């Protein structure tokens, strides 16, 4: 059962939208290797605003994800692709409908 999550907002430098989209799309492979990541969504909110929402069964799995390979890849490219640091919010899941 999912208990916690992450909501991440990414503000991308103009002209870098395709690059962040490719990074997030390829990141799905890395996230699929994480046993503790239950759900993972990469989203586009606006022209230069992207996001990630993911869920976990517990805080240990969430922390493992934050030190995982996708997080490392994203932080390595942050200065090049992002106009500001990622806004990472730790959230508690209070209700969910899963398919």
N, C-alpha and C. Protein backbone atom coordinates (compact mmCIF):
# COMPACT_ATOMS: atom_id res chain seq x y z
N UNK A 1 0.83 -1.18 0.00
CA UNK A 1 0.00 0.00 0.00
C UNK A 1 0.88 1.25 0.00
N UNK A 2 0.49 2.23 -0.77
CA UNK A 2 1.27 3.46 -0.82
C UNK A 2 0.96 4.34 0.39
N UNK A 3 1.97 4.94 0.92
CA UNK A 3 1.83 5.79 2.11
C UNK A 3 2.37 7.20 1.88
N UNK A 4 3.45 7.31 1.09
CA UNK A 4 4.13 8.59 0.90
C UNK A 4 4.45 8.80 -0.56
N UNK A 5 4.80 10.05 -0.89
CA UNK A 5 5.13 10.36 -2.27
C UNK A 5 6.07 11.54 -2.37
N UNK A 6 6.35 11.89 -3.61
CA UNK A 6 7.13 13.08 -3.93
C UNK A 6 6.40 13.85 -5.03
N UNK A 7 6.37 15.15 -4.89
CA UNK A 7 5.87 16.03 -5.94
C UNK A 7 7.03 16.96 -6.28
N UNK A 8 7.50 16.87 -7.50
CA UNK A 8 8.69 17.62 -7.93
C UNK A 8 8.30 18.54 -9.08
N UNK A 9 8.66 19.79 -8.96
CA UNK A 9 8.39 20.78 -10.02
C UNK A 9 9.73 21.19 -10.63
N UNK A 10 9.79 21.14 -11.95
CA UNK A 10 11.01 21.47 -12.68
C UNK A 10 10.74 22.64 -13.61
N UNK A 11 11.42 23.75 -13.40
CA UNK A 11 11.34 24.91 -14.29
C UNK A 11 12.54 24.83 -15.23
N UNK A 12 12.24 24.67 -16.52
CA UNK A 12 13.27 24.41 -17.52
C UNK A 12 13.64 25.69 -18.25
N UNK A 13 14.92 25.82 -18.57
CA UNK A 13 15.37 26.97 -19.36
C UNK A 13 14.71 26.92 -20.73
N UNK A 14 14.29 28.08 -21.25
CA UNK A 14 13.72 28.08 -22.60
C UNK A 14 14.70 27.46 -23.60
N UNK A 15 14.16 26.63 -24.48
CA UNK A 15 14.99 25.93 -25.47
C UNK A 15 15.49 24.58 -24.99
N UNK A 16 15.28 24.24 -23.72
CA UNK A 16 15.76 22.97 -23.16
C UNK A 16 14.62 21.98 -22.92
N UNK A 17 13.42 22.32 -23.41
CA UNK A 17 12.25 21.48 -23.16
C UNK A 17 12.41 20.07 -23.73
N UNK A 18 12.91 19.96 -24.95
CA UNK A 18 13.08 18.63 -25.56
C UNK A 18 14.09 17.79 -24.78
N UNK A 19 15.14 18.44 -24.28
CA UNK A 19 16.17 17.71 -23.54
C UNK A 19 15.64 17.17 -22.22
N UNK A 20 14.87 17.99 -21.49
CA UNK A 20 14.34 17.49 -20.21
C UNK A 20 13.32 16.39 -20.47
N UNK A 21 12.55 16.52 -21.54
CA UNK A 21 11.57 15.48 -21.87
C UNK A 21 12.28 14.16 -22.19
N UNK A 22 13.37 14.23 -22.92
CA UNK A 22 14.15 13.01 -23.22
C UNK A 22 14.74 12.41 -21.95
N UNK A 23 15.25 13.27 -21.06
CA UNK A 23 15.82 12.77 -19.80
C UNK A 23 14.75 12.08 -18.97
N UNK A 24 13.58 12.69 -18.88
CA UNK A 24 12.51 12.09 -18.09
C UNK A 24 12.00 10.80 -18.74
N UNK A 25 11.86 10.79 -20.04
CA UNK A 25 11.41 9.58 -20.74
C UNK A 25 12.39 8.43 -20.54
N UNK A 26 13.68 8.71 -20.69
CA UNK A 26 14.67 7.66 -20.48
C UNK A 26 14.78 7.27 -19.02
N UNK A 27 14.40 8.17 -18.12
CA UNK A 27 14.43 7.88 -16.68
C UNK A 27 13.47 6.80 -16.26
N UNK A 28 12.44 6.56 -17.07
CA UNK A 28 11.48 5.51 -16.73
C UNK A 28 12.19 4.16 -16.60
N UNK A 29 13.17 3.90 -17.43
CA UNK A 29 13.93 2.65 -17.35
C UNK A 29 14.62 2.53 -16.00
N UNK A 30 15.20 3.63 -15.53
CA UNK A 30 15.89 3.62 -14.24
C UNK A 30 14.92 3.41 -13.09
N UNK A 31 13.78 4.07 -13.16
CA UNK A 31 12.78 3.97 -12.09
C UNK A 31 12.17 2.57 -12.06
N UNK A 32 12.03 1.94 -13.21
CA UNK A 32 11.50 0.57 -13.25
C UNK A 32 12.39 -0.41 -12.49
N UNK A 33 13.64 -0.07 -12.30
CA UNK A 33 14.57 -0.93 -11.55
C UNK A 33 14.44 -0.76 -10.03
N UNK A 34 13.71 0.25 -9.59
CA UNK A 34 13.56 0.52 -8.17
C UNK A 34 12.37 -0.24 -7.59
N UNK A 35 12.64 -1.23 -6.79
CA UNK A 35 11.57 -2.06 -6.23
C UNK A 35 10.62 -1.25 -5.34
N UNK A 36 11.12 -0.21 -4.70
CA UNK A 36 10.29 0.55 -3.76
C UNK A 36 9.47 1.66 -4.38
N UNK A 37 9.68 1.95 -5.66
CA UNK A 37 8.88 2.99 -6.31
C UNK A 37 7.64 2.32 -6.89
N UNK A 38 6.48 2.66 -6.33
CA UNK A 38 5.23 2.02 -6.73
C UNK A 38 4.70 2.64 -8.02
N UNK A 39 4.54 3.95 -8.01
CA UNK A 39 4.03 4.68 -9.17
C UNK A 39 4.99 5.81 -9.49
N UNK A 40 5.12 6.15 -10.77
CA UNK A 40 6.01 7.24 -11.18
C UNK A 40 5.42 7.88 -12.42
N UNK A 41 5.26 9.18 -12.36
CA UNK A 41 4.71 9.94 -13.48
C UNK A 41 5.62 11.12 -13.79
N UNK A 42 5.97 11.29 -15.05
CA UNK A 42 6.64 12.50 -15.52
C UNK A 42 5.58 13.28 -16.28
N UNK A 43 5.44 14.56 -15.96
CA UNK A 43 4.34 15.35 -16.54
C UNK A 43 4.86 16.69 -17.07
N UNK A 44 4.10 17.24 -17.98
CA UNK A 44 4.36 18.60 -18.47
C UNK A 44 3.20 19.46 -17.99
N UNK A 45 3.52 20.53 -17.26
CA UNK A 45 2.52 21.40 -16.67
C UNK A 45 2.28 22.62 -17.55
N UNK A 46 3.33 23.10 -18.19
CA UNK A 46 3.24 24.28 -19.03
C UNK A 46 4.40 24.29 -20.02
N UNK A 47 4.56 25.37 -20.76
CA UNK A 47 5.60 25.42 -21.79
C UNK A 47 7.00 25.08 -21.29
N UNK A 48 7.38 25.59 -20.13
CA UNK A 48 8.72 25.30 -19.59
C UNK A 48 8.64 24.70 -18.19
N UNK A 49 7.48 24.21 -17.81
CA UNK A 49 7.29 23.63 -16.47
C UNK A 49 6.96 22.15 -16.59
N UNK A 50 7.78 21.34 -15.95
CA UNK A 50 7.61 19.89 -15.94
C UNK A 50 7.50 19.43 -14.51
N UNK A 51 7.13 18.19 -14.31
CA UNK A 51 7.03 17.68 -12.96
C UNK A 51 7.18 16.18 -12.91
N UNK A 52 7.37 15.70 -11.71
CA UNK A 52 7.44 14.26 -11.43
C UNK A 52 6.57 14.04 -10.20
N UNK A 53 5.74 13.02 -10.25
CA UNK A 53 4.98 12.60 -9.07
C UNK A 53 5.19 11.11 -8.92
N UNK A 54 5.60 10.69 -7.75
CA UNK A 54 5.81 9.26 -7.51
C UNK A 54 5.36 8.88 -6.12
N UNK A 55 5.08 7.57 -5.95
CA UNK A 55 4.57 7.07 -4.68
C UNK A 55 5.41 5.89 -4.20
N UNK A 56 5.36 5.70 -2.86
CA UNK A 56 6.20 4.70 -2.21
C UNK A 56 5.45 4.09 -1.03
N UNK A 57 5.81 2.87 -0.63
CA UNK A 57 5.14 2.25 0.51
C UNK A 57 5.58 2.83 1.86
N UNK A 58 6.77 3.46 1.89
CA UNK A 58 7.29 3.98 3.15
C UNK A 58 8.40 5.00 2.87
N UNK A 59 8.84 5.65 3.93
CA UNK A 59 9.85 6.69 3.78
C UNK A 59 11.20 6.13 3.34
N UNK A 60 11.53 4.92 3.75
CA UNK A 60 12.81 4.33 3.35
C UNK A 60 12.88 4.18 1.83
N UNK A 61 11.79 3.74 1.20
CA UNK A 61 11.76 3.61 -0.25
C UNK A 61 11.83 4.97 -0.92
N UNK A 62 11.17 5.96 -0.33
CA UNK A 62 11.23 7.32 -0.88
C UNK A 62 12.66 7.86 -0.81
N UNK A 63 13.32 7.65 0.31
CA UNK A 63 14.70 8.13 0.45
C UNK A 63 15.64 7.40 -0.51
N UNK A 64 15.40 6.11 -0.72
CA UNK A 64 16.23 5.36 -1.68
C UNK A 64 16.05 5.94 -3.08
N UNK A 65 14.83 6.31 -3.44
CA UNK A 65 14.59 6.90 -4.75
C UNK A 65 15.32 8.24 -4.88
N UNK A 66 15.30 9.04 -3.83
CA UNK A 66 15.97 10.34 -3.87
C UNK A 66 17.48 10.21 -4.04
N UNK A 67 18.04 9.06 -3.68
CA UNK A 67 19.46 8.85 -3.92
C UNK A 67 19.71 7.89 -5.06
N UNK A 68 18.69 7.66 -5.88
CA UNK A 68 18.80 6.72 -6.98
C UNK A 68 19.43 7.31 -8.23
N UNK A 69 19.47 6.49 -9.25
CA UNK A 69 20.16 6.85 -10.50
C UNK A 69 19.47 7.98 -11.26
N UNK A 70 18.14 8.02 -11.28
CA UNK A 70 17.46 9.10 -11.99
C UNK A 70 17.70 10.44 -11.28
N UNK A 71 17.60 10.45 -9.97
CA UNK A 71 17.85 11.68 -9.23
C UNK A 71 19.27 12.18 -9.50
N UNK A 72 20.23 11.27 -9.54
CA UNK A 72 21.61 11.63 -9.84
C UNK A 72 21.76 12.21 -11.24
N UNK A 73 21.10 11.59 -12.21
CA UNK A 73 21.16 12.07 -13.60
C UNK A 73 20.52 13.45 -13.72
N UNK A 74 19.41 13.63 -13.04
CA UNK A 74 18.72 14.91 -13.09
C UNK A 74 19.56 16.02 -12.44
N UNK A 75 20.14 15.73 -11.29
CA UNK A 75 20.95 16.73 -10.61
C UNK A 75 22.23 17.05 -11.39
N UNK A 76 22.78 16.06 -12.09
CA UNK A 76 23.98 16.29 -12.91
C UNK A 76 23.69 17.26 -14.05
N UNK A 77 22.46 17.27 -14.54
CA UNK A 77 22.07 18.14 -15.66
C UNK A 77 21.33 19.38 -15.21
N UNK A 78 21.07 19.54 -13.93
CA UNK A 78 20.24 20.63 -13.42
C UNK A 78 20.75 22.00 -13.86
N UNK A 79 22.03 22.27 -13.73
CA UNK A 79 22.57 23.57 -14.10
C UNK A 79 22.43 23.88 -15.57
N UNK A 80 22.50 22.86 -16.38
CA UNK A 80 22.39 23.01 -17.83
C UNK A 80 20.94 23.17 -18.29
N UNK A 81 20.01 22.42 -17.66
CA UNK A 81 18.64 22.36 -18.15
C UNK A 81 17.63 23.20 -17.38
N UNK A 82 17.86 23.41 -16.10
CA UNK A 82 16.85 24.04 -15.25
C UNK A 82 17.16 25.51 -14.98
N UNK A 83 16.11 26.33 -14.93
CA UNK A 83 16.29 27.75 -14.64
C UNK A 83 16.33 28.02 -13.14
N UNK A 84 15.93 27.05 -12.33
CA UNK A 84 16.00 27.15 -10.87
C UNK A 84 16.10 25.73 -10.32
N UNK A 85 16.54 25.58 -9.07
CA UNK A 85 16.64 24.24 -8.50
C UNK A 85 15.27 23.54 -8.49
N UNK A 86 15.26 22.21 -8.60
CA UNK A 86 13.99 21.49 -8.53
C UNK A 86 13.30 21.77 -7.20
N UNK A 87 11.99 21.92 -7.24
CA UNK A 87 11.21 22.10 -6.01
C UNK A 87 10.67 20.71 -5.64
N UNK A 88 11.24 20.13 -4.59
CA UNK A 88 10.90 18.77 -4.18
C UNK A 88 10.07 18.84 -2.91
N UNK A 89 8.85 18.31 -2.98
CA UNK A 89 7.97 18.29 -1.81
C UNK A 89 7.67 16.85 -1.43
N UNK A 90 7.90 16.52 -0.17
CA UNK A 90 7.55 15.21 0.35
C UNK A 90 6.09 15.26 0.79
N UNK A 91 5.32 14.32 0.31
CA UNK A 91 3.88 14.32 0.59
C UNK A 91 3.47 13.01 1.24
N UNK A 92 2.38 13.07 2.01
CA UNK A 92 1.75 11.88 2.56
C UNK A 92 0.52 11.58 1.72
N UNK A 93 0.33 10.34 1.37
CA UNK A 93 -0.84 9.92 0.58
C UNK A 93 -1.98 9.68 1.57
N UNK A 94 -3.08 10.41 1.41
CA UNK A 94 -4.21 10.24 2.33
C UNK A 94 -5.36 9.46 1.68
N UNK A 95 -5.40 9.41 0.36
CA UNK A 95 -6.41 8.62 -0.35
C UNK A 95 -5.90 8.40 -1.77
N UNK A 96 -6.26 7.27 -2.37
CA UNK A 96 -5.81 6.98 -3.71
C UNK A 96 -6.80 6.04 -4.41
N UNK A 97 -6.93 6.23 -5.71
CA UNK A 97 -7.66 5.29 -6.54
C UNK A 97 -6.66 4.77 -7.56
N UNK A 98 -6.45 3.49 -7.53
CA UNK A 98 -5.49 2.86 -8.44
C UNK A 98 -6.28 1.96 -9.39
N UNK A 99 -5.73 1.77 -10.57
CA UNK A 99 -6.44 0.89 -11.52
C UNK A 99 -5.85 -0.50 -11.51
